[in-house]
Amino acid sequence: MGIIWTIIIGFVAGVIAKFIMPGDNEPSGFILTTILGIIGAFVANFLGQAMGWYGPMDSAGLIGAVVGAIIVLAVYGFVRRPT
């Protein structure tokens, strides 16, 4: 159930992160934004567990997932920046 919950939270976090951090170089597609939000939720889970904020069976909440999604969107924007 933890992975499914992370995917659901990541979906919501991706949409919220897109509203917080709009831009021309950000992914404009709804599906890509959602996928990056889900990846951000997994990143938040991993970093939170690595830093000791969450236990082994805990997952990041909505705020942690939004922060993770914003980080992933920022990295995506820097990588996809035209030269």
PDB file of N, CA and C in Angstrom:
ATOM      1  N   MET A   1       0.817  -1.193   0.000  1.00  0.00           N
ATOM      2  CA  MET A   1       0.000   0.000   0.000  1.00  0.00           C
ATOM      3  C   MET A   1       0.857   1.251   0.000  1.00  0.00           C
ATOM      4  N   GLY A   2       2.092   1.175   0.486  1.00  0.00           N
ATOM      5  CA  GLY A   2       2.966   2.329   0.551  1.00  0.00           C
ATOM      6  C   GLY A   2       3.311   2.891  -0.811  1.00  0.00           C
ATOM      7  N   ILE A   3       3.553   2.024  -1.792  1.00  0.00           N
ATOM      8  CA  ILE A   3       3.912   2.493  -3.128  1.00  0.00           C
ATOM      9  C   ILE A   3       2.713   3.154  -3.797  1.00  0.00           C
ATOM     10  N   ILE A   4       1.543   2.574  -3.634  1.00  0.00           N
ATOM     11  CA  ILE A   4       0.340   3.158  -4.224  1.00  0.00           C
ATOM     12  C   ILE A   4       0.058   4.523  -3.603  1.00  0.00           C
ATOM     13  N   TRP A   5       0.214   4.627  -2.294  1.00  0.00           N
ATOM     14  CA  TRP A   5       0.003   5.906  -1.606  1.00  0.00           C
ATOM     15  C   TRP A   5       1.017   6.946  -2.090  1.00  0.00           C
ATOM     16  N   THR A   6       2.259   6.536  -2.291  1.00  0.00           N
ATOM     17  CA  THR A   6       3.284   7.452  -2.789  1.00  0.00           C
ATOM     18  C   THR A   6       2.947   7.936  -4.188  1.00  0.00           C
ATOM     19  N   ILE A   7       2.415   7.065  -5.028  1.00  0.00           N
ATOM     20  CA  ILE A   7       2.029   7.457  -6.388  1.00  0.00           C
ATOM     21  C   ILE A   7       0.880   8.461  -6.348  1.00  0.00           C
ATOM     22  N   ILE A   8      -0.102   8.220  -5.487  1.00  0.00           N
ATOM     23  CA  ILE A   8      -1.239   9.144  -5.389  1.00  0.00           C
ATOM     24  C   ILE A   8      -0.780  10.508  -4.870  1.00  0.00           C
ATOM     25  N   ILE A   9       0.023  10.494  -3.816  1.00  0.00           N
ATOM     26  CA  ILE A   9       0.546  11.750  -3.270  1.00  0.00           C
ATOM     27  C   ILE A   9       1.440  12.436  -4.307  1.00  0.00           C
ATOM     28  N   GLY A  10       2.243  11.669  -5.029  1.00  0.00           N
ATOM     29  CA  GLY A  10       3.103  12.233  -6.066  1.00  0.00           C
ATOM     30  C   GLY A  10       2.325  12.886  -7.188  1.00  0.00           C
ATOM     31  N   PHE A  11       1.190  12.304  -7.533  1.00  0.00           N
ATOM     32  CA  PHE A  11       0.328  12.893  -8.548  1.00  0.00           C
ATOM     33  C   PHE A  11      -0.144  14.272  -8.121  1.00  0.00           C
ATOM     34  N   VAL A  12      -0.649  14.365  -6.913  1.00  0.00           N
ATOM     35  CA  VAL A  12      -1.125  15.640  -6.381  1.00  0.00           C
ATOM     36  C   VAL A  12       0.045  16.617  -6.219  1.00  0.00           C
ATOM     37  N   ALA A  13       1.180  16.112  -5.741  1.00  0.00           N
ATOM     38  CA  ALA A  13       2.350  16.965  -5.535  1.00  0.00           C
ATOM     39  C   ALA A  13       2.873  17.527  -6.853  1.00  0.00           C
ATOM     40  N   GLY A  14       2.824  16.742  -7.922  1.00  0.00           N
ATOM     41  CA  GLY A  14       3.266  17.228  -9.231  1.00  0.00           C
ATOM     42  C   GLY A  14       2.418  18.372  -9.732  1.00  0.00           C
ATOM     43  N   VAL A  15       1.113  18.266  -9.533  1.00  0.00           N
ATOM     44  CA  VAL A  15       0.212  19.342  -9.950  1.00  0.00           C
ATOM     45  C   VAL A  15       0.453  20.601  -9.114  1.00  0.00           C
ATOM     46  N   ILE A  16       0.604  20.428  -7.805  1.00  0.00           N
ATOM     47  CA  ILE A  16       0.857  21.584  -6.931  1.00  0.00           C
ATOM     48  C   ILE A  16       2.203  22.224  -7.256  1.00  0.00           C
ATOM     49  N   ALA A  17       3.228  21.392  -7.490  1.00  0.00           N
ATOM     50  CA  ALA A  17       4.557  21.925  -7.805  1.00  0.00           C
ATOM     51  C   ALA A  17       4.545  22.698  -9.113  1.00  0.00           C
ATOM     52  N   LYS A  18       3.740  22.261 -10.064  1.00  0.00           N
ATOM     53  CA  LYS A  18       3.642  22.980 -11.338  1.00  0.00           C
ATOM     54  C   LYS A  18       3.018  24.353 -11.142  1.00  0.00           C
ATOM     55  N   PHE A  19       2.038  24.460 -10.236  1.00  0.00           N
ATOM     56  CA  PHE A  19       1.435  25.763  -9.946  1.00  0.00           C
ATOM     57  C   PHE A  19       2.395  26.665  -9.183  1.00  0.00           C
ATOM     58  N   ILE A  20       3.219  26.086  -8.316  1.00  0.00           N
ATOM     59  CA  ILE A  20       4.182  26.869  -7.534  1.00  0.00           C
ATOM     60  C   ILE A  20       5.330  27.339  -8.403  1.00  0.00           C
ATOM     61  N   MET A  21       5.765  26.488  -9.335  1.00  0.00           N
ATOM     62  CA  MET A  21       6.968  26.767 -10.114  1.00  0.00           C
ATOM     63  C   MET A  21       6.673  26.719 -11.614  1.00  0.00           C
ATOM     64  N   PRO A  22       5.888  27.647 -12.137  1.00  0.00           N
ATOM     65  CA  PRO A  22       5.638  27.643 -13.585  1.00  0.00           C
ATOM     66  C   PRO A  22       6.830  28.218 -14.328  1.00  0.00           C
ATOM     67  N   GLY A  23       6.912  27.923 -15.600  1.00  0.00           N
ATOM     68  CA  GLY A  23       7.990  28.479 -16.403  1.00  0.00           C
ATOM     69  C   GLY A  23       7.945  27.936 -17.811  1.00  0.00           C
ATOM     70  N   ASP A  24       8.678  28.594 -18.704  1.00  0.00           N
ATOM     71  CA  ASP A  24       8.696  28.163 -20.096  1.00  0.00           C
ATOM     72  C   ASP A  24       9.475  26.876 -20.295  1.00  0.00           C
ATOM     73  N   ASN A  25      10.525  26.676 -19.506  1.00  0.00           N
ATOM     74  CA  ASN A  25      11.361  25.498 -19.703  1.00  0.00           C
ATOM     75  C   ASN A  25      10.899  24.304 -18.878  1.00  0.00           C
ATOM     76  N   GLU A  26       9.800  24.439 -18.196  1.00  0.00           N
ATOM     77  CA  GLU A  26       9.263  23.340 -17.404  1.00  0.00           C
ATOM     78  C   GLU A  26       8.398  22.463 -18.296  1.00  0.00           C
ATOM     79  N   PRO A  27       8.183  21.223 -17.900  1.00  0.00           N
ATOM     80  CA  PRO A  27       7.338  20.358 -18.727  1.00  0.00           C
ATOM     81  C   PRO A  27       5.909  20.888 -18.753  1.00  0.00           C
ATOM     82  N   SER A  28       5.371  21.040 -19.949  1.00  0.00           N
ATOM     83  CA  SER A  28       4.046  21.624 -20.060  1.00  0.00           C
ATOM     84  C   SER A  28       2.953  20.571 -20.132  1.00  0.00           C
ATOM     85  N   GLY A  29       3.324  19.348 -20.403  1.00  0.00           N
ATOM     86  CA  GLY A  29       2.332  18.300 -20.488  1.00  0.00           C
ATOM     87  C   GLY A  29       1.877  17.823 -19.121  1.00  0.00           C
ATOM     88  N   PHE A  30       0.597  17.527 -19.015  1.00  0.00           N
ATOM     89  CA  PHE A  30       0.020  17.089 -17.752  1.00  0.00           C
ATOM     90  C   PHE A  30       0.620  15.750 -17.314  1.00  0.00           C
ATOM     91  N   ILE A  31       0.810  14.854 -18.252  1.00  0.00           N
ATOM     92  CA  ILE A  31       1.335  13.522 -17.914  1.00  0.00           C
ATOM     93  C   ILE A  31       2.784  13.619 -17.461  1.00  0.00           C
ATOM     94  N   LEU A  32       3.611  14.399 -18.150  1.00  0.00           N
ATOM     95  CA  LEU A  32       5.012  14.539 -17.765  1.00  0.00           C
ATOM     96  C   LEU A  32       5.143  15.217 -16.403  1.00  0.00           C
ATOM     97  N   THR A  33       4.323  16.224 -16.154  1.00  0.00           N
ATOM     98  CA  THR A  33       4.333  16.885 -14.845  1.00  0.00           C
ATOM     99  C   THR A  33       3.942  15.909 -13.746  1.00  0.00           C
ATOM    100  N   THR A  34       2.948  15.086 -14.012  1.00  0.00           N
ATOM    101  CA  THR A  34       2.515  14.089 -13.041  1.00  0.00           C
ATOM    102  C   THR A  34       3.605  13.064 -12.776  1.00  0.00           C
ATOM    103  N   ILE A  35       4.264  12.599 -13.820  1.00  0.00           N
ATOM    104  CA  ILE A  35       5.348  11.618 -13.653  1.00  0.00           C
ATOM    105  C   ILE A  35       6.490  12.221 -12.850  1.00  0.00           C
ATOM    106  N   LEU A  36       6.844  13.455 -13.130  1.00  0.00           N
ATOM    107  CA  LEU A  36       7.901  14.107 -12.358  1.00  0.00           C
ATOM    108  C   LEU A  36       7.475  14.324 -10.912  1.00  0.00           C
ATOM    109  N   GLY A  37       6.199  14.557 -10.674  1.00  0.00           N
ATOM    110  CA  GLY A  37       5.692  14.667  -9.303  1.00  0.00           C
ATOM    111  C   GLY A  37       5.796  13.346  -8.561  1.00  0.00           C
ATOM    112  N   ILE A  38       5.490  12.255  -9.239  1.00  0.00           N
ATOM    113  CA  ILE A  38       5.613  10.933  -8.621  1.00  0.00           C
ATOM    114  C   ILE A  38       7.071  10.634  -8.320  1.00  0.00           C
ATOM    115  N   ILE A  39       7.962  10.966  -9.248  1.00  0.00           N
ATOM    116  CA  ILE A  39       9.396  10.791  -8.993  1.00  0.00           C
ATOM    117  C   ILE A  39       9.822  11.646  -7.809  1.00  0.00           C
ATOM    118  N   GLY A  40       9.298  12.865  -7.725  1.00  0.00           N
ATOM    119  CA  GLY A  40       9.607  13.745  -6.594  1.00  0.00           C
ATOM    120  C   GLY A  40       9.152  13.167  -5.270  1.00  0.00           C
ATOM    121  N   ALA A  41       8.001  12.495  -5.263  1.00  0.00           N
ATOM    122  CA  ALA A  41       7.527  11.858  -4.039  1.00  0.00           C
ATOM    123  C   ALA A  41       8.459  10.726  -3.623  1.00  0.00           C
ATOM    124  N   PHE A  42       8.931   9.954  -4.593  1.00  0.00           N
ATOM    125  CA  PHE A  42       9.882   8.892  -4.278  1.00  0.00           C
ATOM    126  C   PHE A  42      11.215   9.468  -3.797  1.00  0.00           C
ATOM    127  N   VAL A  43      11.644  10.584  -4.395  1.00  0.00           N
ATOM    128  CA  VAL A  43      12.868  11.245  -3.947  1.00  0.00           C
ATOM    129  C   VAL A  43      12.709  11.735  -2.517  1.00  0.00           C
ATOM    130  N   ALA A  44      11.550  12.319  -2.204  1.00  0.00           N
ATOM    131  CA  ALA A  44      11.298  12.792  -0.841  1.00  0.00           C
ATOM    132  C   ALA A  44      11.302  11.627   0.150  1.00  0.00           C
ATOM    133  N   ASN A  45      10.714  10.499  -0.240  1.00  0.00           N
ATOM    134  CA  ASN A  45      10.749   9.318   0.627  1.00  0.00           C
ATOM    135  C   ASN A  45      12.175   8.858   0.874  1.00  0.00           C
ATOM    136  N   PHE A  46      12.949   8.771  -0.198  1.00  0.00           N
ATOM    137  CA  PHE A  46      14.323   8.290  -0.081  1.00  0.00           C
ATOM    138  C   PHE A  46      15.174   9.226   0.771  1.00  0.00           C
ATOM    139  N   LEU A  47      15.099  10.520   0.488  1.00  0.00           N
ATOM    140  CA  LEU A  47      15.905  11.475   1.242  1.00  0.00           C
ATOM    141  C   LEU A  47      15.465  11.549   2.708  1.00  0.00           C
ATOM    142  N   GLY A  48      14.169  11.500   2.949  1.00  0.00           N
ATOM    143  CA  GLY A  48      13.663  11.540   4.317  1.00  0.00           C
ATOM    144  C   GLY A  48      14.098  10.321   5.120  1.00  0.00           C
ATOM    145  N   GLN A  49      14.083   9.151   4.497  1.00  0.00           N
ATOM    146  CA  GLN A  49      14.531   7.946   5.180  1.00  0.00           C
ATOM    147  C   GLN A  49      16.033   7.950   5.368  1.00  0.00           C
ATOM    148  N   ALA A  50      16.770   8.468   4.391  1.00  0.00           N
ATOM    149  CA  ALA A  50      18.233   8.524   4.505  1.00  0.00           C
ATOM    150  C   ALA A  50      18.668   9.500   5.597  1.00  0.00           C
ATOM    151  N   MET A  51      17.923  10.570   5.798  1.00  0.00           N
ATOM    152  CA  MET A  51      18.277  11.562   6.819  1.00  0.00           C
ATOM    153  C   MET A  51      17.688  11.223   8.182  1.00  0.00           C
ATOM    154  N   GLY A  52      16.904  10.164   8.251  1.00  0.00           N
ATOM    155  CA  GLY A  52      16.351   9.744   9.528  1.00  0.00           C
ATOM    156  C   GLY A  52      15.057  10.437   9.913  1.00  0.00           C
ATOM    157  N   TRP A  53      14.463  11.185   9.004  1.00  0.00           N
ATOM    158  CA  TRP A  53      13.206  11.865   9.295  1.00  0.00           C
ATOM    159  C   TRP A  53      12.039  10.900   9.302  1.00  0.00           C
ATOM    160  N   TYR A  54      12.103   9.872   8.448  1.00  0.00           N
ATOM    161  CA  TYR A  54      11.048   8.878   8.341  1.00  0.00           C
ATOM    162  C   TYR A  54      11.625   7.515   8.687  1.00  0.00           C
ATOM    163  N   GLY A  55      10.774   6.661   9.210  1.00  0.00           N
ATOM    164  CA  GLY A  55      11.175   5.293   9.500  1.00  0.00           C
ATOM    165  C   GLY A  55      11.196   4.462   8.222  1.00  0.00           C
ATOM    166  N   PRO A  56      11.615   3.211   8.313  1.00  0.00           N
ATOM    167  CA  PRO A  56      11.697   2.367   7.118  1.00  0.00           C
ATOM    168  C   PRO A  56      10.352   2.143   6.416  1.00  0.00           C
ATOM    169  N   MET A  57       9.273   2.131   7.157  1.00  0.00           N
ATOM    170  CA  MET A  57       7.964   1.898   6.550  1.00  0.00           C
ATOM    171  C   MET A  57       7.147   3.186   6.401  1.00  0.00           C
ATOM    172  N   ASP A  58       7.718   4.333   6.746  1.00  0.00           N
ATOM    173  CA  ASP A  58       7.019   5.615   6.627  1.00  0.00           C
ATOM    174  C   ASP A  58       7.234   6.192   5.235  1.00  0.00           C
ATOM    175  N   SER A  59       6.326   7.043   4.835  1.00  0.00           N
ATOM    176  CA  SER A  59       6.479   7.743   3.562  1.00  0.00           C
ATOM    177  C   SER A  59       6.341   9.239   3.792  1.00  0.00           C
ATOM    178  N   ALA A  60       6.821   9.992   2.839  1.00  0.00           N
ATOM    179  CA  ALA A  60       6.735  11.447   2.937  1.00  0.00           C
ATOM    180  C   ALA A  60       5.290  11.882   2.797  1.00  0.00           C
ATOM    181  N   GLY A  61       4.932  12.909   3.480  1.00  0.00           N
ATOM    182  CA  GLY A  61       3.589  13.454   3.370  1.00  0.00           C
ATOM    183  C   GLY A  61       3.476  14.348   2.158  1.00  0.00           C
ATOM    184  N   LEU A  62       2.392  15.057   2.079  1.00  0.00           N
ATOM    185  CA  LEU A  62       2.139  15.908   0.922  1.00  0.00           C
ATOM    186  C   LEU A  62       3.165  17.026   0.817  1.00  0.00           C
ATOM    187  N   ILE A  63       3.519  17.643   1.923  1.00  0.00           N
ATOM    188  CA  ILE A  63       4.488  18.749   1.880  1.00  0.00           C
ATOM    189  C   ILE A  63       5.853  18.243   1.438  1.00  0.00           C
ATOM    190  N   GLY A  64       6.291  17.125   1.981  1.00  0.00           N
ATOM    191  CA  GLY A  64       7.575  16.548   1.562  1.00  0.00           C
ATOM    192  C   GLY A  64       7.567  16.159   0.101  1.00  0.00           C
ATOM    193  N   ALA A  65       6.450  15.616  -0.371  1.00  0.00           N
ATOM    194  CA  ALA A  65       6.357  15.234  -1.777  1.00  0.00           C
ATOM    195  C   ALA A  65       6.358  16.451  -2.686  1.00  0.00           C
ATOM    196  N   VAL A  66       5.717  17.538  -2.254  1.00  0.00           N
ATOM    197  CA  VAL A  66       5.728  18.765  -3.059  1.00  0.00           C
ATOM    198  C   VAL A  66       7.150  19.325  -3.143  1.00  0.00           C
ATOM    199  N   VAL A  67       7.860  19.316  -2.022  1.00  0.00           N
ATOM    200  CA  VAL A  67       9.253  19.778  -2.035  1.00  0.00           C
ATOM    201  C   VAL A  67      10.096  18.896  -2.960  1.00  0.00           C
ATOM    202  N   GLY A  68       9.910  17.588  -2.876  1.00  0.00           N
ATOM    203  CA  GLY A  68      10.633  16.675  -3.766  1.00  0.00           C
ATOM    204  C   GLY A  68      10.281  16.915  -5.223  1.00  0.00           C
ATOM    205  N   ALA A  69       9.003  17.173  -5.508  1.00  0.00           N
ATOM    206  CA  ALA A  69       8.585  17.439  -6.877  1.00  0.00           C
ATOM    207  C   ALA A  69       9.162  18.751  -7.390  1.00  0.00           C
ATOM    208  N   ILE A  70       9.243  19.764  -6.537  1.00  0.00           N
ATOM    209  CA  ILE A  70       9.845  21.036  -6.946  1.00  0.00           C
ATOM    210  C   ILE A  70      11.326  20.839  -7.256  1.00  0.00           C
ATOM    211  N   ILE A  71      12.006  20.034  -6.450  1.00  0.00           N
ATOM    212  CA  ILE A  71      13.421  19.745  -6.711  1.00  0.00           C
ATOM    213  C   ILE A  71      13.578  19.041  -8.048  1.00  0.00           C
ATOM    214  N   VAL A  72      12.741  18.037  -8.312  1.00  0.00           N
ATOM    215  CA  VAL A  72      12.826  17.301  -9.573  1.00  0.00           C
ATOM    216  C   VAL A  72      12.487  18.215 -10.754  1.00  0.00           C
ATOM    217  N   LEU A  73      11.480  19.074 -10.612  1.00  0.00           N
ATOM    218  CA  LEU A  73      11.141  20.009 -11.686  1.00  0.00           C
ATOM    219  C   LEU A  73      12.273  20.999 -11.948  1.00  0.00           C
ATOM    220  N   ALA A  74      12.943  21.456 -10.893  1.00  0.00           N
ATOM    221  CA  ALA A  74      14.073  22.376 -11.071  1.00  0.00           C
ATOM    222  C   ALA A  74      15.223  21.687 -11.791  1.00  0.00           C
ATOM    223  N   VAL A  75      15.527  20.472 -11.394  1.00  0.00           N
ATOM    224  CA  VAL A  75      16.603  19.720 -12.060  1.00  0.00           C
ATOM    225  C   VAL A  75      16.233  19.462 -13.516  1.00  0.00           C
ATOM    226  N   TYR A  76      14.980  19.101 -13.762  1.00  0.00           N
ATOM    227  CA  TYR A  76      14.522  18.874 -15.131  1.00  0.00           C
ATOM    228  C   TYR A  76      14.654  20.150 -15.966  1.00  0.00           C
ATOM    229  N   GLY A  77      14.298  21.289 -15.374  1.00  0.00           N
ATOM    230  CA  GLY A  77      14.413  22.560 -16.082  1.00  0.00           C
ATOM    231  C   GLY A  77      15.842  22.919 -16.433  1.00  0.00           C
ATOM    232  N   PHE A  78      16.790  22.609 -15.517  1.00  0.00           N
ATOM    233  CA  PHE A  78      18.202  22.882 -15.791  1.00  0.00           C
ATOM    234  C   PHE A  78      18.774  21.936 -16.847  1.00  0.00           C
ATOM    235  N   VAL A  79      18.349  20.691 -16.809  1.00  0.00           N
ATOM    236  CA  VAL A  79      18.859  19.706 -17.768  1.00  0.00           C
ATOM    237  C   VAL A  79      18.302  19.966 -19.159  1.00  0.00           C
ATOM    238  N   ARG A  80      17.021  20.323 -19.253  1.00  0.00           N
ATOM    239  CA  ARG A  80      16.380  20.536 -20.542  1.00  0.00           C
ATOM    240  C   ARG A  80      16.547  21.952 -21.080  1.00  0.00           C
ATOM    241  N   ARG A  81      17.339  22.779 -20.407  1.00  0.00           N
ATOM    242  CA  ARG A  81      17.542  24.164 -20.853  1.00  0.00           C
ATOM    243  C   ARG A  81      18.249  24.175 -22.205  1.00  0.00           C
ATOM    244  N   PRO A  82      17.726  24.925 -23.164  1.00  0.00           N
ATOM    245  CA  PRO A  82      18.388  25.000 -24.473  1.00  0.00           C
ATOM    246  C   PRO A  82      19.728  25.718 -24.372  1.00  0.00           C
ATOM    247  N   THR A  83      20.661  25.291 -25.166  1.00  0.00           N
ATOM    248  CA  THR A  83      22.002  25.890 -25.138  1.00  0.00           C
ATOM    249  C   THR A  83      22.129  27.054 -26.063  1.00  0.00           C
TER     250      THR A  83
END
